PDB file of N, CA and C in Angstrom:
ATOM      1  N   MET A   1      10.385  19.022  -6.999  1.00  0.00           N
ATOM      2  CA  MET A   1       9.739  18.894  -5.706  1.00  0.00           C
ATOM      3  C   MET A   1       8.574  17.902  -5.762  1.00  0.00           C
ATOM      4  N   GLN A   2       7.778  17.993  -6.866  1.00  0.00           N
ATOM      5  CA  GLN A   2       6.620  17.105  -6.945  1.00  0.00           C
ATOM      6  C   GLN A   2       7.041  15.647  -7.108  1.00  0.00           C
ATOM      7  N   GLU A   3       8.178  15.393  -7.777  1.00  0.00           N
ATOM      8  CA  GLU A   3       8.638  14.015  -7.910  1.00  0.00           C
ATOM      9  C   GLU A   3       9.068  13.457  -6.556  1.00  0.00           C
ATOM     10  N   PHE A   4       9.705  14.299  -5.751  1.00  0.00           N
ATOM     11  CA  PHE A   4      10.140  13.885  -4.422  1.00  0.00           C
ATOM     12  C   PHE A   4       8.946  13.510  -3.557  1.00  0.00           C
ATOM     13  N   LEU A   5       7.886  14.329  -3.591  1.00  0.00           N
ATOM     14  CA  LEU A   5       6.683  14.029  -2.814  1.00  0.00           C
ATOM     15  C   LEU A   5       5.979  12.776  -3.324  1.00  0.00           C
ATOM     16  N   ALA A   6       5.994  12.572  -4.628  1.00  0.00           N
ATOM     17  CA  ALA A   6       5.383  11.369  -5.189  1.00  0.00           C
ATOM     18  C   ALA A   6       6.159  10.122  -4.766  1.00  0.00           C
ATOM     19  N   ILE A   7       7.471  10.225  -4.693  1.00  0.00           N
ATOM     20  CA  ILE A   7       8.287   9.086  -4.246  1.00  0.00           C
ATOM     21  C   ILE A   7       8.012   8.786  -2.778  1.00  0.00           C
ATOM     22  N   ILE A   8       7.921   9.833  -1.954  1.00  0.00           N
ATOM     23  CA  ILE A   8       7.614   9.638  -0.536  1.00  0.00           C
ATOM     24  C   ILE A   8       6.247   8.982  -0.374  1.00  0.00           C
ATOM     25  N   ALA A   9       5.260   9.455  -1.139  1.00  0.00           N
ATOM     26  CA  ALA A   9       3.925   8.877  -1.062  1.00  0.00           C
ATOM     27  C   ALA A   9       3.932   7.414  -1.502  1.00  0.00           C
ATOM     28  N   SER A  10       4.692   7.104  -2.536  1.00  0.00           N
ATOM     29  CA  SER A  10       4.782   5.717  -3.002  1.00  0.00           C
ATOM     30  C   SER A  10       5.422   4.821  -1.954  1.00  0.00           C
ATOM     31  N   LEU A  11       6.449   5.320  -1.298  1.00  0.00           N
ATOM     32  CA  LEU A  11       7.100   4.534  -0.244  1.00  0.00           C
ATOM     33  C   LEU A  11       6.178   4.326   0.953  1.00  0.00           C
ATOM     34  N   LEU A  12       5.410   5.352   1.319  1.00  0.00           N
ATOM     35  CA  LEU A  12       4.457   5.203   2.413  1.00  0.00           C
ATOM     36  C   LEU A  12       3.376   4.185   2.063  1.00  0.00           C
ATOM     37  N   LEU A  13       2.889   4.252   0.835  1.00  0.00           N
ATOM     38  CA  LEU A  13       1.869   3.304   0.399  1.00  0.00           C
ATOM     39  C   LEU A  13       2.434   1.881   0.332  1.00  0.00           C
ATOM     40  N   ALA A  14       3.663   1.747  -0.122  1.00  0.00           N
ATOM     41  CA  ALA A  14       4.312   0.441  -0.155  1.00  0.00           C
ATOM     42  C   ALA A  14       4.480  -0.115   1.263  1.00  0.00           C
ATOM     43  N   SER A  15       4.783   0.761   2.203  1.00  0.00           N
ATOM     44  CA  SER A  15       4.910   0.346   3.598  1.00  0.00           C
ATOM     45  C   SER A  15       3.583  -0.199   4.122  1.00  0.00           C
ATOM     46  N   CYS A  16       2.486   0.463   3.777  1.00  0.00           N
ATOM     47  CA  CYS A  16       1.160  -0.015   4.189  1.00  0.00           C
ATOM     48  C   CYS A  16       0.855  -1.368   3.563  1.00  0.00           C
ATOM     49  N   LEU A  17       1.166  -1.519   2.288  1.00  0.00           N
ATOM     50  CA  LEU A  17       0.880  -2.778   1.596  1.00  0.00           C
ATOM     51  C   LEU A  17       1.713  -3.929   2.150  1.00  0.00           C
ATOM     52  N   VAL A  18       2.974  -3.659   2.468  1.00  0.00           N
ATOM     53  CA  VAL A  18       3.826  -4.697   3.052  1.00  0.00           C
ATOM     54  C   VAL A  18       3.280  -5.115   4.413  1.00  0.00           C
ATOM     55  N   GLU A  19       2.808  -4.154   5.185  1.00  0.00           N
ATOM     56  CA  GLU A  19       2.245  -4.473   6.492  1.00  0.00           C
ATOM     57  C   GLU A  19       0.982  -5.328   6.363  1.00  0.00           C
ATOM     58  N   ILE A  20       0.155  -5.028   5.377  1.00  0.00           N
ATOM     59  CA  ILE A  20      -1.060  -5.818   5.150  1.00  0.00           C
ATOM     60  C   ILE A  20      -0.701  -7.235   4.718  1.00  0.00           C
ATOM     61  N   VAL A  21       0.256  -7.367   3.813  1.00  0.00           N
ATOM     62  CA  VAL A  21       0.676  -8.694   3.347  1.00  0.00           C
ATOM     63  C   VAL A  21       1.268  -9.497   4.500  1.00  0.00           C
ATOM     64  N   MET A  22       2.048  -8.853   5.345  1.00  0.00           N
ATOM     65  CA  MET A  22       2.635  -9.558   6.482  1.00  0.00           C
ATOM     66  C   MET A  22       1.571 -10.018   7.469  1.00  0.00           C
ATOM     67  N   GLN A  23       0.442  -9.314   7.533  1.00  0.00           N
ATOM     68  CA  GLN A  23      -0.654  -9.756   8.391  1.00  0.00           C
ATOM     69  C   GLN A  23      -1.402 -10.929   7.769  1.00  0.00           C
ATOM     70  N   LEU A  24      -1.478 -10.969   6.444  1.00  0.00           N
ATOM     71  CA  LEU A  24      -2.235 -12.020   5.773  1.00  0.00           C
ATOM     72  C   LEU A  24      -1.489 -13.346   5.694  1.00  0.00           C
ATOM     73  N   ILE A  25      -0.165 -13.312   5.674  1.00  0.00           N
ATOM     74  CA  ILE A  25       0.609 -14.553   5.513  1.00  0.00           C
ATOM     75  C   ILE A  25       0.331 -15.555   6.638  1.00  0.00           C
ATOM     76  N   PRO A  26       0.389 -15.176   7.919  1.00  0.00           N
ATOM     77  CA  PRO A  26       0.101 -16.185   8.947  1.00  0.00           C
ATOM     78  C   PRO A  26      -1.380 -16.581   8.986  1.00  0.00           C
ATOM     79  N   ALA A  27      -2.289 -15.687   8.612  1.00  0.00           N
ATOM     80  CA  ALA A  27      -3.714 -15.974   8.707  1.00  0.00           C
ATOM     81  C   ALA A  27      -4.169 -16.986   7.666  1.00  0.00           C
ATOM     82  N   VAL A  28      -3.480 -17.082   6.533  1.00  0.00           N
ATOM     83  CA  VAL A  28      -3.892 -17.988   5.470  1.00  0.00           C
ATOM     84  C   VAL A  28      -2.764 -18.976   5.162  1.00  0.00           C
ATOM     85  N   SER A  29      -2.064 -19.370   6.185  1.00  0.00           N
ATOM     86  CA  SER A  29      -0.967 -20.319   5.954  1.00  0.00           C
ATOM     87  C   SER A  29      -1.544 -21.700   5.663  1.00  0.00           C
ATOM     88  N   GLU A  30      -0.946 -22.356   4.685  1.00  0.00           N
ATOM     89  CA  GLU A  30      -1.435 -23.668   4.278  1.00  0.00           C
ATOM     90  C   GLU A  30      -0.719 -24.764   5.057  1.00  0.00           C
ATOM     91  N   HIS A  31      -1.505 -25.751   5.467  1.00  0.00           N
ATOM     92  CA  HIS A  31      -0.960 -26.902   6.170  1.00  0.00           C
ATOM     93  C   HIS A  31      -1.348 -28.147   5.393  1.00  0.00           C
ATOM     94  N   ILE A  32      -0.396 -29.014   5.173  1.00  0.00           N
ATOM     95  CA  ILE A  32      -0.638 -30.239   4.415  1.00  0.00           C
ATOM     96  C   ILE A  32      -0.644 -31.414   5.389  1.00  0.00           C
ATOM     97  N   PHE A  33      -1.727 -32.132   5.385  1.00  0.00           N
ATOM     98  CA  PHE A  33      -1.861 -33.311   6.243  1.00  0.00           C
ATOM     99  C   PHE A  33      -1.932 -34.544   5.348  1.00  0.00           C
ATOM    100  N   GLN A  34      -1.151 -35.536   5.663  1.00  0.00           N
ATOM    101  CA  GLN A  34      -1.170 -36.777   4.904  1.00  0.00           C
ATOM    102  C   GLN A  34      -2.333 -37.648   5.393  1.00  0.00           C
ATOM    103  N   VAL A  35      -3.238 -37.954   4.493  1.00  0.00           N
ATOM    104  CA  VAL A  35      -4.363 -38.828   4.806  1.00  0.00           C
ATOM    105  C   VAL A  35      -4.280 -40.001   3.834  1.00  0.00           C
ATOM    106  N   GLY A  36      -3.732 -41.102   4.279  1.00  0.00           N
ATOM    107  CA  GLY A  36      -3.546 -42.258   3.418  1.00  0.00           C
ATOM    108  C   GLY A  36      -2.601 -41.900   2.283  1.00  0.00           C
ATOM    109  N   SER A  37      -3.084 -41.976   1.055  1.00  0.00           N
ATOM    110  CA  SER A  37      -2.248 -41.623  -0.090  1.00  0.00           C
ATOM    111  C   SER A  37      -2.602 -40.255  -0.653  1.00  0.00           C
ATOM    112  N   PHE A  38      -3.548 -39.567  -0.012  1.00  0.00           N
ATOM    113  CA  PHE A  38      -3.975 -38.250  -0.488  1.00  0.00           C
ATOM    114  C   PHE A  38      -3.421 -37.158   0.423  1.00  0.00           C
ATOM    115  N   ALA A  39      -3.247 -36.001  -0.121  1.00  0.00           N
ATOM    116  CA  ALA A  39      -2.818 -34.840   0.666  1.00  0.00           C
ATOM    117  C   ALA A  39      -3.988 -33.862   0.740  1.00  0.00           C
ATOM    118  N   GLU A  40      -4.370 -33.559   1.947  1.00  0.00           N
ATOM    119  CA  GLU A  40      -5.467 -32.618   2.144  1.00  0.00           C
ATOM    120  C   GLU A  40      -4.864 -31.238   2.420  1.00  0.00           C
ATOM    121  N   ILE A  41      -5.228 -30.279   1.603  1.00  0.00           N
ATOM    122  CA  ILE A  41      -4.676 -28.932   1.756  1.00  0.00           C
ATOM    123  C   ILE A  41      -5.787 -28.032   2.285  1.00  0.00           C
ATOM    124  N   GLY A  42      -5.508 -27.360   3.365  1.00  0.00           N
ATOM    125  CA  GLY A  42      -6.484 -26.442   3.945  1.00  0.00           C
ATOM    126  C   GLY A  42      -5.772 -25.258   4.538  1.00  0.00           C
ATOM    127  N   TYR A  43      -6.509 -24.412   5.181  1.00  0.00           N
ATOM    128  CA  TYR A  43      -5.886 -23.281   5.853  1.00  0.00           C
ATOM    129  C   TYR A  43      -6.465 -23.150   7.243  1.00  0.00           C
ATOM    130  N   VAL A  44      -5.641 -22.646   8.131  1.00  0.00           N
ATOM    131  CA  VAL A  44      -6.033 -22.453   9.515  1.00  0.00           C
ATOM    132  C   VAL A  44      -6.059 -20.962   9.772  1.00  0.00           C
ATOM    133  N   GLN A  45      -7.194 -20.500  10.264  1.00  0.00           N
ATOM    134  CA  GLN A  45      -7.314 -19.067  10.537  1.00  0.00           C
ATOM    135  C   GLN A  45      -7.384 -18.881  12.046  1.00  0.00           C
ATOM    136  N   ASP A  46      -6.386 -18.227  12.570  1.00  0.00           N
ATOM    137  CA  ASP A  46      -6.321 -17.963  13.997  1.00  0.00           C
ATOM    138  C   ASP A  46      -7.280 -16.828  14.329  1.00  0.00           C
ATOM    139  N   PRO A  47      -8.141 -16.978  15.325  1.00  0.00           N
ATOM    140  CA  PRO A  47      -9.076 -15.891  15.660  1.00  0.00           C
ATOM    141  C   PRO A  47      -8.380 -14.608  16.084  1.00  0.00           C
ATOM    142  N   ALA A  48      -7.181 -14.731  16.646  1.00  0.00           N
ATOM    143  CA  ALA A  48      -6.462 -13.532  17.078  1.00  0.00           C
ATOM    144  C   ALA A  48      -5.965 -12.713  15.897  1.00  0.00           C
ATOM    145  N   THR A  49      -5.709 -13.366  14.760  1.00  0.00           N
ATOM    146  CA  THR A  49      -5.185 -12.648  13.592  1.00  0.00           C
ATOM    147  C   THR A  49      -6.212 -12.543  12.471  1.00  0.00           C
ATOM    148  N   SER A  50      -7.486 -12.821  12.778  1.00  0.00           N
ATOM    149  CA  SER A  50      -8.489 -12.809  11.715  1.00  0.00           C
ATOM    150  C   SER A  50      -8.866 -11.395  11.286  1.00  0.00           C
ATOM    151  N   SER A  51      -8.633 -10.408  12.133  1.00  0.00           N
ATOM    152  CA  SER A  51      -8.947  -9.035  11.732  1.00  0.00           C
ATOM    153  C   SER A  51      -7.737  -8.409  11.043  1.00  0.00           C
ATOM    154  N   LEU A  52      -8.015  -7.543  10.111  1.00  0.00           N
ATOM    155  CA  LEU A  52      -6.963  -6.889   9.336  1.00  0.00           C
ATOM    156  C   LEU A  52      -6.809  -5.457   9.830  1.00  0.00           C
ATOM    157  N   HIS A  53      -5.613  -5.104  10.234  1.00  0.00           N
ATOM    158  CA  HIS A  53      -5.339  -3.762  10.754  1.00  0.00           C
ATOM    159  C   HIS A  53      -4.610  -2.958   9.690  1.00  0.00           C
ATOM    160  N   ILE A  54      -5.138  -1.780   9.384  1.00  0.00           N
ATOM    161  CA  ILE A  54      -4.529  -0.885   8.405  1.00  0.00           C
ATOM    162  C   ILE A  54      -4.087   0.376   9.139  1.00  0.00           C
ATOM    163  N   ASP A  55      -2.850   0.770   8.912  1.00  0.00           N
ATOM    164  CA  ASP A  55      -2.325   1.976   9.547  1.00  0.00           C
ATOM    165  C   ASP A  55      -2.914   3.198   8.852  1.00  0.00           C
ATOM    166  N   LEU A  56      -3.888   3.810   9.488  1.00  0.00           N
ATOM    167  CA  LEU A  56      -4.615   4.921   8.878  1.00  0.00           C
ATOM    168  C   LEU A  56      -3.751   6.167   8.739  1.00  0.00           C
ATOM    169  N   LYS A  57      -2.876   6.408   9.716  1.00  0.00           N
ATOM    170  CA  LYS A  57      -2.025   7.595   9.643  1.00  0.00           C
ATOM    171  C   LYS A  57      -1.116   7.559   8.421  1.00  0.00           C
ATOM    172  N   THR A  58      -0.512   6.415   8.168  1.00  0.00           N
ATOM    173  CA  THR A  58       0.381   6.287   7.017  1.00  0.00           C
ATOM    174  C   THR A  58      -0.386   6.394   5.712  1.00  0.00           C
ATOM    175  N   THR A  59      -1.579   5.802   5.656  1.00  0.00           N
ATOM    176  CA  THR A  59      -2.392   5.866   4.448  1.00  0.00           C
ATOM    177  C   THR A  59      -2.831   7.293   4.149  1.00  0.00           C
ATOM    178  N   VAL A  60      -3.248   8.024   5.172  1.00  0.00           N
ATOM    179  CA  VAL A  60      -3.671   9.418   4.986  1.00  0.00           C
ATOM    180  C   VAL A  60      -2.476  10.280   4.596  1.00  0.00           C
ATOM    181  N   MET A  61      -1.319  10.019   5.194  1.00  0.00           N
ATOM    182  CA  MET A  61      -0.121  10.788   4.844  1.00  0.00           C
ATOM    183  C   MET A  61       0.280  10.540   3.393  1.00  0.00           C
ATOM    184  N   ALA A  62       0.148   9.298   2.923  1.00  0.00           N
ATOM    185  CA  ALA A  62       0.448   8.993   1.524  1.00  0.00           C
ATOM    186  C   ALA A  62      -0.512   9.724   0.600  1.00  0.00           C
ATOM    187  N   ALA A  63      -1.797   9.733   0.938  1.00  0.00           N
ATOM    188  CA  ALA A  63      -2.785  10.445   0.120  1.00  0.00           C
ATOM    189  C   ALA A  63      -2.501  11.950   0.120  1.00  0.00           C
ATOM    190  N   PHE A  64      -2.108  12.487   1.263  1.00  0.00           N
ATOM    191  CA  PHE A  64      -1.781  13.912   1.349  1.00  0.00           C
ATOM    192  C   PHE A  64      -0.564  14.248   0.492  1.00  0.00           C
ATOM    193  N   CYS A  65       0.463  13.404   0.538  1.00  0.00           N
ATOM    194  CA  CYS A  65       1.658  13.639  -0.278  1.00  0.00           C
ATOM    195  C   CYS A  65       1.332  13.569  -1.762  1.00  0.00           C
ATOM    196  N   TYR A  66       0.479  12.599  -2.159  1.00  0.00           N
ATOM    197  CA  TYR A  66       0.058  12.525  -3.558  1.00  0.00           C
ATOM    198  C   TYR A  66      -0.710  13.781  -3.964  1.00  0.00           C
ATOM    199  N   ALA A  67      -1.585  14.280  -3.081  1.00  0.00           N
ATOM    200  CA  ALA A  67      -2.366  15.478  -3.396  1.00  0.00           C
ATOM    201  C   ALA A  67      -1.470  16.701  -3.536  1.00  0.00           C
ATOM    202  N   VAL A  68      -0.526  16.877  -2.625  1.00  0.00           N
ATOM    203  CA  VAL A  68       0.390  18.015  -2.700  1.00  0.00           C
ATOM    204  C   VAL A  68       1.268  17.901  -3.944  1.00  0.00           C
ATOM    205  N   SER A  69       1.676  16.690  -4.273  1.00  0.00           N
ATOM    206  CA  SER A  69       2.463  16.469  -5.484  1.00  0.00           C
ATOM    207  C   SER A  69       1.667  16.863  -6.723  1.00  0.00           C
ATOM    208  N   ALA A  70       0.385  16.516  -6.759  1.00  0.00           N
ATOM    209  CA  ALA A  70      -0.464  16.876  -7.900  1.00  0.00           C
ATOM    210  C   ALA A  70      -0.652  18.385  -7.983  1.00  0.00           C
ATOM    211  N   VAL A  71      -0.786  19.063  -6.853  1.00  0.00           N
ATOM    212  CA  VAL A  71      -0.929  20.526  -6.849  1.00  0.00           C
ATOM    213  C   VAL A  71       0.335  21.185  -7.372  1.00  0.00           C
ATOM    214  N   PHE A  72       1.505  20.708  -6.907  1.00  0.00           N
ATOM    215  CA  PHE A  72       2.763  21.269  -7.406  1.00  0.00           C
ATOM    216  C   PHE A  72       2.942  21.008  -8.898  1.00  0.00           C
ATOM    217  N   SER A  73       2.564  19.826  -9.355  1.00  0.00           N
ATOM    218  CA  SER A  73       2.670  19.508 -10.774  1.00  0.00           C
ATOM    219  C   SER A  73       1.759  20.410 -11.601  1.00  0.00           C
ATOM    220  N   TYR A  74       0.540  20.627 -11.122  1.00  0.00           N
ATOM    221  CA  TYR A  74      -0.384  21.507 -11.832  1.00  0.00           C
ATOM    222  C   TYR A  74       0.136  22.944 -11.838  1.00  0.00           C
ATOM    223  N   GLY A  75       0.706  23.386 -10.728  1.00  0.00           N
ATOM    224  CA  GLY A  75       1.288  24.728 -10.661  1.00  0.00           C
ATOM    225  C   GLY A  75       2.456  24.886 -11.623  1.00  0.00           C
ATOM    226  N   ALA A  76       3.285  23.857 -11.743  1.00  0.00           N
ATOM    227  CA  ALA A  76       4.410  23.906 -12.683  1.00  0.00           C
ATOM    228  C   ALA A  76       3.907  23.962 -14.119  1.00  0.00           C
ATOM    229  N   ASP A  77       2.838  23.211 -14.414  1.00  0.00           N
ATOM    230  CA  ASP A  77       2.254  23.264 -15.760  1.00  0.00           C
ATOM    231  C   ASP A  77       1.682  24.647 -16.069  1.00  0.00           C
ATOM    232  N   LEU A  78       1.024  25.245 -15.097  1.00  0.00           N
ATOM    233  CA  LEU A  78       0.476  26.600 -15.297  1.00  0.00           C
ATOM    234  C   LEU A  78       1.585  27.617 -15.499  1.00  0.00           C
ATOM    235  N   GLN A  79       2.658  27.475 -14.726  1.00  0.00           N
ATOM    236  CA  GLN A  79       3.783  28.397 -14.892  1.00  0.00           C
ATOM    237  C   GLN A  79       4.415  28.262 -16.254  1.00  0.00           C
ATOM    238  N   GLN A  80       4.565  27.036 -16.734  1.00  0.00           N
ATOM    239  CA  GLN A  80       5.134  26.814 -18.062  1.00  0.00           C
ATOM    240  C   GLN A  80       4.202  27.386 -19.145  1.00  0.00           C
ATOM    241  N   LEU A  81       2.906  27.222 -18.990  1.00  0.00           N
ATOM    242  CA  LEU A  81       1.952  27.763 -19.939  1.00  0.00           C
ATOM    243  C   LEU A  81       1.990  29.292 -19.938  1.00  0.00           C
ATOM    244  N   SER A  82       2.133  29.864 -18.759  1.00  0.00           N
ATOM    245  CA  SER A  82       2.230  31.326 -18.640  1.00  0.00           C
ATOM    246  C   SER A  82       3.514  31.843 -19.287  1.00  0.00           C
ATOM    247  N   ASP A  83       4.610  31.137 -19.110  1.00  0.00           N
ATOM    248  CA  ASP A  83       5.884  31.559 -19.708  1.00  0.00           C
ATOM    249  C   ASP A  83       5.860  31.453 -21.236  1.00  0.00           C
ATOM    250  N   GLU A  84       5.122  30.482 -21.758  1.00  0.00           N
ATOM    251  CA  GLU A  84       5.062  30.289 -23.204  1.00  0.00           C
ATOM    252  C   GLU A  84       4.173  31.319 -23.883  1.00  0.00           C
ATOM    253  N   THR A  85       3.185  31.845 -23.184  1.00  0.00           N
ATOM    254  CA  THR A  85       2.265  32.780 -23.810  1.00  0.00           C
ATOM    255  C   THR A  85       2.836  34.189 -23.893  1.00  0.00           C
ATOM    256  N   ILE A  86       3.825  34.498 -23.101  1.00  0.00           N
ATOM    257  CA  ILE A  86       4.401  35.852 -23.107  1.00  0.00           C
ATOM    258  C   ILE A  86       5.423  36.011 -24.180  1.00  0.00           C
TER     259      ILE A  86
END
């Protein structure tokens, strides 16, 4: 059970990271302008996309799944320790 919750939490966190990366790609896109024989490399930052939006619900759900996974793992360790002592 704890492995399943850890996988769900990892997928939720990966979803958040992919969303952040997808927001950053257009904001820091490189444009190459030919100036004589030199290439000037810069970036254009659109004011509409300059803020970074993080999905708080998904991030909190991932943290909750990780916490529940850790509780189940600790409970399984305690149960195994209890079974070994008897």
